[in-house]
Structures are given as structure tokens and as C-alpha cells.
N, C-alpha and C. Protein backbone atom coordinates (compact mmCIF):
# COMPACT_ATOMS: atom_id res chain seq x y z
N MET A 1 -51.91 -53.04 15.00
CA MET A 1 -52.07 -51.89 14.15
C MET A 1 -50.48 -51.46 13.84
N SER A 2 -50.50 -51.48 12.27
CA SER A 2 -49.14 -50.79 12.10
C SER A 2 -49.02 -49.55 11.91
N PRO A 3 -47.93 -48.72 11.79
CA PRO A 3 -47.73 -47.30 11.81
C PRO A 3 -48.55 -47.00 10.09
N LYS A 4 -48.59 -45.96 9.99
CA LYS A 4 -49.33 -45.65 8.47
C LYS A 4 -47.58 -45.31 7.78
N TYR A 5 -46.76 -44.54 8.42
CA TYR A 5 -45.43 -44.17 7.96
C TYR A 5 -44.66 -44.73 8.45
N ALA A 6 -43.40 -44.91 7.86
CA ALA A 6 -41.90 -45.60 8.58
C ALA A 6 -40.99 -44.81 8.39
N SER A 7 -40.01 -44.73 9.11
CA SER A 7 -38.56 -44.06 8.68
C SER A 7 -37.94 -45.27 7.89
N ILE A 8 -36.85 -44.54 7.06
CA ILE A 8 -36.26 -45.37 6.00
C ILE A 8 -35.56 -46.28 6.92
N GLN A 9 -35.00 -46.28 8.31
CA GLN A 9 -34.00 -47.13 9.01
C GLN A 9 -35.13 -48.42 9.36
N ASP A 10 -36.73 -48.11 9.62
CA ASP A 10 -37.56 -49.14 10.16
C ASP A 10 -38.20 -49.55 8.84
N TRP A 11 -38.23 -48.90 7.66
CA TRP A 11 -38.68 -49.81 6.58
C TRP A 11 -37.64 -50.79 6.14
N LEU A 12 -36.45 -50.66 6.34
CA LEU A 12 -35.36 -51.33 5.99
C LEU A 12 -35.89 -52.97 6.84
N LYS A 13 -35.99 -52.73 7.97
CA LYS A 13 -36.21 -53.94 8.78
C LYS A 13 -37.84 -54.58 8.41
N ILE A 14 -38.49 -53.66 8.13
CA ILE A 14 -39.76 -54.11 7.84
C ILE A 14 -39.75 -55.21 6.23
N SER A 15 -39.17 -54.39 5.38
CA SER A 15 -39.08 -54.71 4.06
C SER A 15 -37.92 -56.04 3.83
N GLY A 16 -36.83 -55.80 4.75
CA GLY A 16 -35.64 -56.57 4.12
C GLY A 16 -34.76 -55.91 3.10
N LEU A 17 -35.00 -55.03 2.68
CA LEU A 17 -34.60 -54.03 1.57
C LEU A 17 -33.31 -53.39 1.99
N GLY A 18 -32.53 -53.18 1.05
CA GLY A 18 -31.49 -52.29 1.31
C GLY A 18 -31.63 -51.06 1.23
N ARG A 19 -31.07 -50.04 1.60
CA ARG A 19 -31.07 -48.36 1.88
C ARG A 19 -30.85 -47.97 0.25
N THR A 20 -30.06 -48.31 -0.28
CA THR A 20 -29.90 -47.81 -1.84
C THR A 20 -30.86 -48.43 -2.59
N THR A 21 -31.45 -49.52 -2.53
CA THR A 21 -32.66 -49.91 -3.25
C THR A 21 -33.80 -49.12 -2.85
N VAL A 22 -33.94 -49.22 -1.60
CA VAL A 22 -35.30 -48.05 -1.16
C VAL A 22 -35.27 -46.79 -1.78
N TYR A 23 -34.23 -46.17 -1.63
CA TYR A 23 -34.23 -44.75 -2.30
C TYR A 23 -34.23 -44.92 -3.52
N HIS A 24 -33.78 -45.85 -4.53
CA HIS A 24 -33.95 -45.94 -5.93
C HIS A 24 -35.25 -45.84 -6.25
N LEU A 25 -36.08 -47.16 -5.44
CA LEU A 25 -37.57 -47.24 -5.73
C LEU A 25 -38.60 -46.10 -5.70
N ILE A 26 -38.02 -45.13 -4.18
CA ILE A 26 -38.90 -44.04 -3.88
C ILE A 26 -38.45 -42.93 -5.47
N ALA A 27 -37.35 -42.70 -5.70
CA ALA A 27 -36.95 -42.16 -7.02
C ALA A 27 -37.90 -42.42 -8.09
N GLU A 28 -38.06 -43.68 -8.47
CA GLU A 28 -38.31 -44.07 -9.73
C GLU A 28 -40.06 -43.79 -9.52
N GLY A 29 -40.52 -43.68 -8.25
CA GLY A 29 -41.96 -43.75 -7.90
C GLY A 29 -42.83 -45.05 -7.97
N LYS A 30 -41.77 -46.24 -7.44
CA LYS A 30 -42.47 -47.42 -6.97
C LYS A 30 -42.88 -47.31 -5.80
N LEU A 31 -42.27 -46.73 -4.93
CA LEU A 31 -42.41 -46.64 -3.58
C LEU A 31 -42.99 -45.28 -3.25
N HIS A 32 -43.76 -45.10 -2.30
CA HIS A 32 -44.39 -43.66 -1.74
C HIS A 32 -43.59 -43.46 -0.47
N ALA A 33 -43.46 -41.97 -0.56
CA ALA A 33 -42.63 -41.68 0.85
C ALA A 33 -42.92 -40.41 0.71
N VAL A 34 -42.91 -39.60 1.85
CA VAL A 34 -43.17 -38.30 2.24
C VAL A 34 -42.17 -37.87 3.10
N LYS A 35 -41.89 -36.39 3.08
CA LYS A 35 -40.73 -35.59 3.77
C LYS A 35 -41.26 -34.75 4.93
N ALA A 36 -41.09 -35.20 6.22
CA ALA A 36 -41.60 -34.48 7.32
C ALA A 36 -40.23 -33.93 7.77
N GLY A 37 -39.77 -32.43 7.28
CA GLY A 37 -38.51 -31.90 7.82
C GLY A 37 -37.26 -32.67 7.34
N THR A 38 -36.62 -32.86 7.73
CA THR A 38 -35.34 -33.99 7.08
C THR A 38 -35.82 -35.27 7.10
N ARG A 39 -36.57 -35.80 7.60
CA ARG A 39 -36.78 -37.29 7.64
C ARG A 39 -37.80 -37.73 6.21
N THR A 40 -37.23 -38.39 5.89
CA THR A 40 -37.97 -39.38 4.69
C THR A 40 -38.75 -40.58 5.58
N LEU A 41 -40.27 -40.57 5.43
CA LEU A 41 -41.12 -41.62 5.60
C LEU A 41 -41.98 -42.15 4.56
N VAL A 42 -42.01 -43.60 4.52
CA VAL A 42 -42.25 -44.63 3.55
C VAL A 42 -43.59 -44.85 4.13
N ASP A 43 -44.54 -44.84 3.21
CA ASP A 43 -45.91 -45.14 3.11
C ASP A 43 -46.35 -46.95 3.21
N VAL A 44 -45.87 -47.34 4.74
CA VAL A 44 -46.40 -48.65 4.92
C VAL A 44 -46.98 -49.23 4.17
N GLU A 45 -48.42 -49.24 4.00
CA GLU A 45 -49.47 -49.84 3.43
C GLU A 45 -48.90 -49.77 2.08
N HIS A 46 -48.64 -48.72 1.12
CA HIS A 46 -48.42 -48.95 -0.03
C HIS A 46 -47.01 -49.76 -0.34
N GLY A 47 -45.99 -49.49 0.95
CA GLY A 47 -44.83 -50.29 0.34
C GLY A 47 -45.27 -52.11 0.43
N LEU A 48 -46.10 -52.05 1.59
CA LEU A 48 -46.34 -53.89 1.71
C LEU A 48 -47.17 -54.10 0.59
N ALA A 49 -47.88 -53.20 0.14
CA ALA A 49 -48.69 -53.89 -1.30
C ALA A 49 -48.23 -54.05 -2.20
N TRP A 50 -46.89 -53.01 -2.54
CA TRP A 50 -45.96 -53.24 -3.51
C TRP A 50 -45.17 -54.74 -3.39
N LEU A 51 -44.88 -54.91 -2.16
CA LEU A 51 -43.97 -55.93 -1.80
C LEU A 51 -44.61 -57.18 -2.33
N ALA A 52 -46.03 -57.01 -2.03
CA ALA A 52 -47.00 -58.39 -2.30
C ALA A 52 -47.47 -58.63 -3.79
N ALA A 53 -47.09 -57.46 -4.39
CA ALA A 53 -47.14 -57.59 -5.98
C ALA A 53 -46.00 -58.00 -6.47
N ARG A 54 -44.78 -58.63 -5.84
CA ARG A 54 -43.81 -58.94 -6.49
C ARG A 54 -44.10 -59.90 -6.96
N PRO A 55 -43.39 -60.69 -8.17
CA PRO A 55 -43.68 -62.01 -8.63
C PRO A 55 -42.71 -63.10 -7.75
N ALA A 56 -43.20 -64.11 -7.56
CA ALA A 56 -42.86 -65.37 -6.81
C ALA A 56 -41.61 -65.27 -7.23
N ALA A 57 -40.39 -65.90 -6.13
CA ALA A 57 -39.39 -66.34 -6.44
C ALA A 57 -39.10 -67.57 -7.03
N ASP A 58 -38.40 -67.62 -8.10
CA ASP A 58 -38.51 -68.96 -9.06
C ASP A 58 -37.01 -69.31 -8.75
N ILE A 59 -36.82 -70.05 -7.64
CA ILE A 59 -35.57 -70.65 -7.09
C ILE A 59 -35.54 -72.25 -7.70
N ARG A 60 -34.32 -72.53 -7.94
CA ARG A 60 -34.47 -73.83 -8.59
C ARG A 60 -33.08 -74.84 -7.67
N CYS A 61 -33.58 -75.87 -7.40
CA CYS A 61 -32.30 -76.65 -6.80
C CYS A 61 -31.71 -77.33 -7.73
N VAL A 62 -30.30 -77.07 -7.80
CA VAL A 62 -29.37 -77.59 -8.68
C VAL A 62 -28.68 -78.63 -7.98
N ARG A 63 -28.33 -79.81 -8.45
CA ARG A 63 -27.42 -80.90 -7.61
C ARG A 63 -26.31 -80.62 -8.33
N PRO A 64 -25.26 -80.52 -7.33
CA PRO A 64 -23.85 -80.96 -8.20
C PRO A 64 -23.41 -81.70 -8.80
N THR A 65 -22.72 -81.85 -9.78
CA THR A 65 -22.58 -82.92 -10.47
C THR A 65 -21.04 -83.74 -9.78
N ARG A 66 -21.07 -85.09 -9.87
CA ARG A 66 -20.16 -85.84 -9.10
C ARG A 66 -18.99 -85.95 -10.26
N VAL A 67 -18.11 -85.62 -9.84
CA VAL A 67 -16.33 -85.79 -10.48
C VAL A 67 -16.05 -87.46 -9.93
N ALA A 68 -15.75 -87.95 -11.21
CA ALA A 68 -15.29 -89.23 -11.15
C ALA A 68 -13.92 -89.06 -10.60
N ALA A 69 -13.29 -89.88 -9.67
CA ALA A 69 -12.02 -90.04 -8.92
C ALA A 69 -11.06 -90.93 -9.80
């Protein structure tokens, strides 16, 4: 059972995102967070759903061209 809320530090480990990106997502309302005193806690369930809704990575293998010697 995962926790309902995670500290920013824990959310960085869970999501693999960077601190600045997380704070931008919170500011834009894309990631839900609450304040508990001075701590910012991310809603884990909402955050995981947000990550799951991201588009699949479009990664293409590009083979290097050979240079004639």
C-alpha cells in the first residue's frame, strides 16, 4: 500500500522528475499538492495517474552514417 501523500523528496524518487519540474507542475495545477506546516506533500495517486496519462516516448534509433576513409 503506497502512502496517500509524499514529500517532495520522496516524490522525486517515485516519479523520476526533477525538483524544479515538480514545483512548476504544482504551480500550473497539473500536479496536486497540499501544505502541512512548512512541508509540501504531493498527492501520490493523482501524481501517478498524471504520469500514466503522459504520451508514450517516441524514441527512434538513428544509425550513424559511415564516413568514407
